[in-house]
Structures are given as structure tokens and as C-alpha cells.
PDB file of N, CA and C in Angstrom:
ATOM      1  N   MET A   1     -61.390  54.211 143.444  1.00  0.00           N
ATOM      2  CA  MET A   1     -60.457  55.027 144.076  1.00  0.00           C
ATOM      3  C   MET A   1     -60.087  56.396 143.185  1.00  0.00           C
ATOM      4  N   PRO A   2     -60.153  57.462 143.804  1.00  0.00           N
ATOM      5  CA  PRO A   2     -59.837  58.762 142.871  1.00  0.00           C
ATOM      6  C   PRO A   2     -58.693  59.034 142.455  1.00  0.00           C
ATOM      7  N   PHE A   3     -58.558  59.321 141.265  1.00  0.00           N
ATOM      8  CA  PHE A   3     -57.216  59.608 140.478  1.00  0.00           C
ATOM      9  C   PHE A   3     -56.054  60.265 141.422  1.00  0.00           C
ATOM     10  N   TYR A   4     -56.640  61.332 142.008  1.00  0.00           N
ATOM     11  CA  TYR A   4     -55.657  62.472 142.529  1.00  0.00           C
ATOM     12  C   TYR A   4     -55.003  61.657 143.906  1.00  0.00           C
ATOM     13  N   LEU A   5     -55.765  60.830 144.411  1.00  0.00           N
ATOM     14  CA  LEU A   5     -55.252  59.907 145.608  1.00  0.00           C
ATOM     15  C   LEU A   5     -54.152  59.002 145.179  1.00  0.00           C
ATOM     16  N   SER A   6     -54.561  58.334 144.165  1.00  0.00           N
ATOM     17  CA  SER A   6     -53.601  57.354 143.403  1.00  0.00           C
ATOM     18  C   SER A   6     -52.215  58.129 143.134  1.00  0.00           C
ATOM     19  N   LEU A   7     -52.494  59.403 142.584  1.00  0.00           N
ATOM     20  CA  LEU A   7     -51.236  59.993 142.069  1.00  0.00           C
ATOM     21  C   LEU A   7     -50.273  60.581 143.350  1.00  0.00           C
ATOM     22  N   ALA A   8     -50.989  61.073 144.095  1.00  0.00           N
ATOM     23  CA  ALA A   8     -50.354  61.568 145.589  1.00  0.00           C
ATOM     24  C   ALA A   8     -49.577  60.406 146.228  1.00  0.00           C
ATOM     25  N   THR A   9     -50.110  59.375 146.327  1.00  0.00           N
ATOM     26  CA  THR A   9     -49.625  58.133 146.825  1.00  0.00           C
ATOM     27  C   THR A   9     -48.201  57.727 146.020  1.00  0.00           C
ATOM     28  N   PHE A  10     -48.456  57.655 144.674  1.00  0.00           N
ATOM     29  CA  PHE A  10     -47.256  57.339 144.078  1.00  0.00           C
ATOM     30  C   PHE A  10     -46.210  58.415 144.102  1.00  0.00           C
ATOM     31  N   LEU A  11     -46.555  59.741 144.075  1.00  0.00           N
ATOM     32  CA  LEU A  11     -45.550  60.841 144.202  1.00  0.00           C
ATOM     33  C   LEU A  11     -44.760  60.752 145.651  1.00  0.00           C
ATOM     34  N   MET A  12     -45.633  60.454 146.747  1.00  0.00           N
ATOM     35  CA  MET A  12     -45.074  60.288 147.876  1.00  0.00           C
ATOM     36  C   MET A  12     -43.964  59.186 148.017  1.00  0.00           C
ATOM     37  N   SER A  13     -44.605  58.085 147.589  1.00  0.00           N
ATOM     38  CA  SER A  13     -43.654  56.782 147.614  1.00  0.00           C
ATOM     39  C   SER A  13     -42.407  57.051 146.735  1.00  0.00           C
ATOM     40  N   LEU A  14     -42.434  57.827 145.466  1.00  0.00           N
ATOM     41  CA  LEU A  14     -41.435  58.134 144.889  1.00  0.00           C
ATOM     42  C   LEU A  14     -40.405  59.183 145.564  1.00  0.00           C
ATOM     43  N   SER A  15     -40.920  60.084 146.244  1.00  0.00           N
ATOM     44  CA  SER A  15     -39.868  61.098 146.944  1.00  0.00           C
ATOM     45  C   SER A  15     -39.204  60.451 148.193  1.00  0.00           C
ATOM     46  N   PHE A  16     -39.980  59.616 148.738  1.00  0.00           N
ATOM     47  CA  PHE A  16     -39.307  58.939 150.167  1.00  0.00           C
ATOM     48  C   PHE A  16     -38.478  57.833 149.586  1.00  0.00           C
ATOM     49  N   PHE A  17     -38.769  57.268 148.444  1.00  0.00           N
ATOM     50  CA  PHE A  17     -37.660  56.257 147.758  1.00  0.00           C
ATOM     51  C   PHE A  17     -36.520  56.734 147.647  1.00  0.00           C
ATOM     52  N   VAL A  18     -36.571  58.100 147.042  1.00  0.00           N
ATOM     53  CA  VAL A  18     -35.487  58.829 146.370  1.00  0.00           C
ATOM     54  C   VAL A  18     -34.708  59.251 147.807  1.00  0.00           C
ATOM     55  N   TYR A  19     -35.519  59.877 148.603  1.00  0.00           N
ATOM     56  CA  TYR A  19     -34.641  60.346 149.929  1.00  0.00           C
ATOM     57  C   TYR A  19     -33.952  58.912 150.742  1.00  0.00           C
ATOM     58  N   GLY A  20     -34.507  57.732 150.516  1.00  0.00           N
ATOM     59  CA  GLY A  20     -34.018  56.696 151.213  1.00  0.00           C
ATOM     60  C   GLY A  20     -32.858  56.234 150.275  1.00  0.00           C
ATOM     61  N   LEU A  21     -32.807  56.705 149.168  1.00  0.00           N
ATOM     62  CA  LEU A  21     -31.411  56.109 148.342  1.00  0.00           C
ATOM     63  C   LEU A  21     -30.401  57.208 148.896  1.00  0.00           C
ATOM     64  N   PHE A  22     -30.756  58.546 148.878  1.00  0.00           N
ATOM     65  CA  PHE A  22     -29.651  59.504 149.217  1.00  0.00           C
ATOM     66  C   PHE A  22     -29.177  59.286 150.591  1.00  0.00           C
ATOM     67  N   GLU A  23     -29.824  58.885 151.569  1.00  0.00           N
ATOM     68  CA  GLU A  23     -29.614  58.434 153.006  1.00  0.00           C
ATOM     69  C   GLU A  23     -28.865  57.170 153.130  1.00  0.00           C
ATOM     70  N   CYS A  24     -28.979  56.505 152.112  1.00  0.00           N
ATOM     71  CA  CYS A  24     -28.615  55.052 152.278  1.00  0.00           C
ATOM     72  C   CYS A  24     -29.208  54.342 153.329  1.00  0.00           C
ATOM     73  N   ASP A  25     -30.701  54.403 153.482  1.00  0.00           N
ATOM     74  CA  ASP A  25     -31.430  53.923 154.546  1.00  0.00           C
ATOM     75  C   ASP A  25     -32.188  52.945 153.777  1.00  0.00           C
ATOM     76  N   ILE A  26     -31.977  51.529 154.248  1.00  0.00           N
ATOM     77  CA  ILE A  26     -32.894  50.547 153.495  1.00  0.00           C
ATOM     78  C   ILE A  26     -34.243  50.378 154.008  1.00  0.00           C
ATOM     79  N   PHE A  27     -34.436  50.896 155.323  1.00  0.00           N
ATOM     80  CA  PHE A  27     -35.585  50.800 156.021  1.00  0.00           C
ATOM     81  C   PHE A  27     -36.602  51.934 155.321  1.00  0.00           C
ATOM     82  N   ILE A  28     -36.178  52.942 154.796  1.00  0.00           N
ATOM     83  CA  ILE A  28     -36.956  53.788 154.228  1.00  0.00           C
ATOM     84  C   ILE A  28     -37.223  53.270 152.641  1.00  0.00           C
ATOM     85  N   SER A  29     -36.031  53.083 151.956  1.00  0.00           N
ATOM     86  CA  SER A  29     -36.041  52.871 150.455  1.00  0.00           C
ATOM     87  C   SER A  29     -36.848  51.804 150.004  1.00  0.00           C
ATOM     88  N   VAL A  30     -36.788  50.540 150.938  1.00  0.00           N
ATOM     89  CA  VAL A  30     -37.345  49.066 150.356  1.00  0.00           C
ATOM     90  C   VAL A  30     -38.905  49.426 150.372  1.00  0.00           C
ATOM     91  N   PRO A  31     -39.549  49.841 151.608  1.00  0.00           N
ATOM     92  CA  PRO A  31     -41.070  49.853 151.521  1.00  0.00           C
ATOM     93  C   PRO A  31     -41.471  50.851 150.445  1.00  0.00           C
ATOM     94  N   ASN A  32     -40.712  51.931 150.387  1.00  0.00           N
ATOM     95  CA  ASN A  32     -41.270  52.861 149.345  1.00  0.00           C
ATOM     96  C   ASN A  32     -41.006  52.677 148.079  1.00  0.00           C
ATOM     97  N   GLY A  33     -39.964  51.885 147.753  1.00  0.00           N
ATOM     98  CA  GLY A  33     -39.769  51.079 146.435  1.00  0.00           C
ATOM     99  C   GLY A  33     -40.966  50.175 146.052  1.00  0.00           C
ATOM    100  N   ILE A  34     -41.301  49.429 147.002  1.00  0.00           N
ATOM    101  CA  ILE A  34     -42.536  48.608 146.794  1.00  0.00           C
ATOM    102  C   ILE A  34     -43.708  49.122 146.463  1.00  0.00           C
ATOM    103  N   GLY A  35     -44.009  50.517 147.354  1.00  0.00           N
ATOM    104  CA  GLY A  35     -45.139  51.261 147.179  1.00  0.00           C
ATOM    105  C   GLY A  35     -44.900  52.026 145.782  1.00  0.00           C
ATOM    106  N   LEU A  36     -43.861  52.205 145.231  1.00  0.00           N
ATOM    107  CA  LEU A  36     -43.577  52.988 144.123  1.00  0.00           C
ATOM    108  C   LEU A  36     -43.889  51.877 142.802  1.00  0.00           C
ATOM    109  N   VAL A  37     -43.833  50.839 142.915  1.00  0.00           N
ATOM    110  CA  VAL A  37     -44.018  49.772 141.960  1.00  0.00           C
ATOM    111  C   VAL A  37     -45.449  49.500 141.932  1.00  0.00           C
ATOM    112  N   LEU A  38     -46.232  49.467 143.049  1.00  0.00           N
ATOM    113  CA  LEU A  38     -47.650  49.289 143.267  1.00  0.00           C
ATOM    114  C   LEU A  38     -48.402  50.390 142.814  1.00  0.00           C
ATOM    115  N   GLY A  39     -47.933  51.710 143.073  1.00  0.00           N
ATOM    116  CA  GLY A  39     -48.414  52.768 142.684  1.00  0.00           C
ATOM    117  C   GLY A  39     -48.379  52.977 140.905  1.00  0.00           C
ATOM    118  N   VAL A  40     -47.364  52.560 140.378  1.00  0.00           N
ATOM    119  CA  VAL A  40     -47.240  52.495 138.943  1.00  0.00           C
ATOM    120  C   VAL A  40     -48.258  51.373 138.435  1.00  0.00           C
ATOM    121  N   LEU A  41     -48.298  50.248 139.078  1.00  0.00           N
ATOM    122  CA  LEU A  41     -49.571  49.292 138.586  1.00  0.00           C
ATOM    123  C   LEU A  41     -51.041  50.108 138.823  1.00  0.00           C
ATOM    124  N   GLN A  42     -51.075  50.609 139.898  1.00  0.00           N
ATOM    125  CA  GLN A  42     -52.388  51.156 140.106  1.00  0.00           C
ATOM    126  C   GLN A  42     -52.860  52.304 139.219  1.00  0.00           C
ATOM    127  N   LEU A  43     -51.905  52.971 138.757  1.00  0.00           N
ATOM    128  CA  LEU A  43     -52.219  54.097 137.869  1.00  0.00           C
ATOM    129  C   LEU A  43     -52.342  53.595 136.315  1.00  0.00           C
ATOM    130  N   GLY A  44     -51.501  52.579 136.436  1.00  0.00           N
ATOM    131  CA  GLY A  44     -51.684  51.766 134.754  1.00  0.00           C
ATOM    132  C   GLY A  44     -53.134  51.297 134.920  1.00  0.00           C
ATOM    133  N   LEU A  45     -53.640  50.534 136.035  1.00  0.00           N
ATOM    134  CA  LEU A  45     -54.772  49.973 135.756  1.00  0.00           C
ATOM    135  C   LEU A  45     -55.934  51.050 135.697  1.00  0.00           C
ATOM    136  N   TYR A  46     -55.792  52.429 136.231  1.00  0.00           N
ATOM    137  CA  TYR A  46     -56.583  53.333 136.434  1.00  0.00           C
ATOM    138  C   TYR A  46     -56.891  53.807 134.953  1.00  0.00           C
ATOM    139  N   PHE A  47     -55.662  53.933 134.291  1.00  0.00           N
ATOM    140  CA  PHE A  47     -55.750  54.490 132.815  1.00  0.00           C
ATOM    141  C   PHE A  47     -56.246  53.528 131.801  1.00  0.00           C
ATOM    142  N   TYR A  48     -55.953  52.363 132.192  1.00  0.00           N
ATOM    143  CA  TYR A  48     -56.444  51.009 131.227  1.00  0.00           C
ATOM    144  C   TYR A  48     -58.139  50.846 131.493  1.00  0.00           C
ATOM    145  N   TYR A  49     -58.529  51.078 132.600  1.00  0.00           N
ATOM    146  CA  TYR A  49     -59.956  50.792 132.689  1.00  0.00           C
ATOM    147  C   TYR A  49     -60.812  52.182 132.507  1.00  0.00           C
ATOM    148  N   SER A  50     -60.082  53.469 132.778  1.00  0.00           N
ATOM    149  CA  SER A  50     -60.674  54.566 132.374  1.00  0.00           C
ATOM    150  C   SER A  50     -61.204  54.896 131.121  1.00  0.00           C
ATOM    151  N   GLU A  51     -60.330  54.419 130.046  1.00  0.00           N
ATOM    152  CA  GLU A  51     -60.682  54.449 128.736  1.00  0.00           C
ATOM    153  C   GLU A  51     -61.848  53.147 128.287  1.00  0.00           C
ATOM    154  N   ASN A  52     -61.860  52.288 129.060  1.00  0.00           N
ATOM    155  CA  ASN A  52     -63.098  51.275 128.639  1.00  0.00           C
ATOM    156  C   ASN A  52     -64.428  51.861 129.403  1.00  0.00           C
ATOM    157  N   SER A  53     -64.364  52.458 130.477  1.00  0.00           N
ATOM    158  CA  SER A  53     -65.465  52.819 131.126  1.00  0.00           C
ATOM    159  C   SER A  53     -66.000  54.055 130.434  1.00  0.00           C
ATOM    160  N   GLU A  54     -65.401  54.759 129.766  1.00  0.00           N
ATOM    161  CA  GLU A  54     -66.007  55.908 128.857  1.00  0.00           C
ATOM    162  C   GLU A  54     -66.744  55.525 127.683  1.00  0.00           C
ATOM    163  N   GLU A  55     -66.221  54.433 127.126  1.00  0.00           N
ATOM    164  CA  GLU A  55     -67.058  53.768 125.942  1.00  0.00           C
ATOM    165  C   GLU A  55     -68.277  53.000 126.455  1.00  0.00           C
ATOM    166  N   GLU A  56     -68.113  52.423 127.594  1.00  0.00           N
ATOM    167  CA  GLU A  56     -69.314  51.682 128.098  1.00  0.00           C
ATOM    168  C   GLU A  56     -70.424  52.558 128.589  1.00  0.00           C
ATOM    169  N   SER A  57     -70.140  53.676 129.151  1.00  0.00           N
ATOM    170  CA  SER A  57     -70.766  54.580 129.662  1.00  0.00           C
ATOM    171  C   SER A  57     -71.651  55.444 128.322  1.00  0.00           C
ATOM    172  N   SER A  58     -70.967  55.517 127.558  1.00  0.00           N
ATOM    173  CA  SER A  58     -71.613  56.094 126.057  1.00  0.00           C
ATOM    174  C   SER A  58     -72.489  55.266 125.726  1.00  0.00           C
ATOM    175  N   ARG A  59     -72.370  53.913 125.494  1.00  0.00           N
ATOM    176  CA  ARG A  59     -73.211  52.942 125.127  1.00  0.00           C
ATOM    177  C   ARG A  59     -74.332  52.848 126.147  1.00  0.00           C
ATOM    178  N   ARG A  60     -74.065  52.794 127.393  1.00  0.00           N
ATOM    179  CA  ARG A  60     -75.206  52.580 128.413  1.00  0.00           C
ATOM    180  C   ARG A  60     -76.189  53.944 128.146  1.00  0.00           C
ATOM    181  N   ARG A  61     -75.838  55.063 128.062  1.00  0.00           N
ATOM    182  CA  ARG A  61     -76.652  56.204 127.532  1.00  0.00           C
ATOM    183  C   ARG A  61     -77.334  56.046 126.661  1.00  0.00           C
ATOM    184  N   HIS A  62     -76.865  55.448 125.518  1.00  0.00           N
ATOM    185  CA  HIS A  62     -77.433  55.387 124.426  1.00  0.00           C
ATOM    186  C   HIS A  62     -78.579  54.302 124.210  1.00  0.00           C
ATOM    187  N   LEU A  63     -78.409  53.201 125.262  1.00  0.00           N
ATOM    188  CA  LEU A  63     -79.544  52.291 125.341  1.00  0.00           C
ATOM    189  C   LEU A  63     -80.473  52.596 126.144  1.00  0.00           C
ATOM    190  N   ILE A  64     -80.221  53.620 127.307  1.00  0.00           N
ATOM    191  CA  ILE A  64     -81.368  54.142 127.994  1.00  0.00           C
ATOM    192  C   ILE A  64     -82.083  55.040 127.226  1.00  0.00           C
ATOM    193  N   GLU A  65     -81.623  55.745 126.381  1.00  0.00           N
ATOM    194  CA  GLU A  65     -82.407  56.874 125.467  1.00  0.00           C
ATOM    195  C   GLU A  65     -83.199  56.024 124.467  1.00  0.00           C
ATOM    196  N   ALA A  66     -82.955  54.826 123.912  1.00  0.00           N
ATOM    197  CA  ALA A  66     -83.381  54.165 123.144  1.00  0.00           C
ATOM    198  C   ALA A  66     -84.554  53.590 123.643  1.00  0.00           C
ATOM    199  N   CYS A  67     -84.513  53.004 124.998  1.00  0.00           N
ATOM    200  CA  CYS A  67     -85.755  52.372 125.623  1.00  0.00           C
ATOM    201  C   CYS A  67     -86.736  53.278 126.105  1.00  0.00           C
ATOM    202  N   ALA A  68     -86.331  54.665 126.424  1.00  0.00           N
ATOM    203  CA  ALA A  68     -87.185  55.587 126.894  1.00  0.00           C
ATOM    204  C   ALA A  68     -88.210  55.928 125.737  1.00  0.00           C
TER     205      ALA A  68
END
């Protein structure tokens, strides 16, 4: 999943969650609060695995060059 799509989803959930709190509307704040938590988890997983994928991709490139 692209990073900017995950970031936009997180920011929209955050904005509608805050709007639901200001309006005291549970039907807006609860689903967007859940989306906010899931967005944080998704961004955390993205950053966790993006660091590992850079190291693995450099190792893969090195192995390909050595075999050629």
C-alpha cells in the first residue's frame, strides 16, 4: 500500500474524530477513532518494514551482481 494513501487515511480519520468530539456525535467519533488506531498501526508497520526492506534490497542487489 502506498505511504501517502496510508497517511491520508490516518489524517482524515483524525480530523473526523476531532470533529465528532466537538459535535458530541458518537456515530462520527467512534468509527473514526477506530480508524485512527488502525491508521497508527498501519503507519507503524509501514515504517517498521520499510527499514528492513531497504537492507534486504541492498543485499539482494549485491547477490545479483556477484552471481553475474
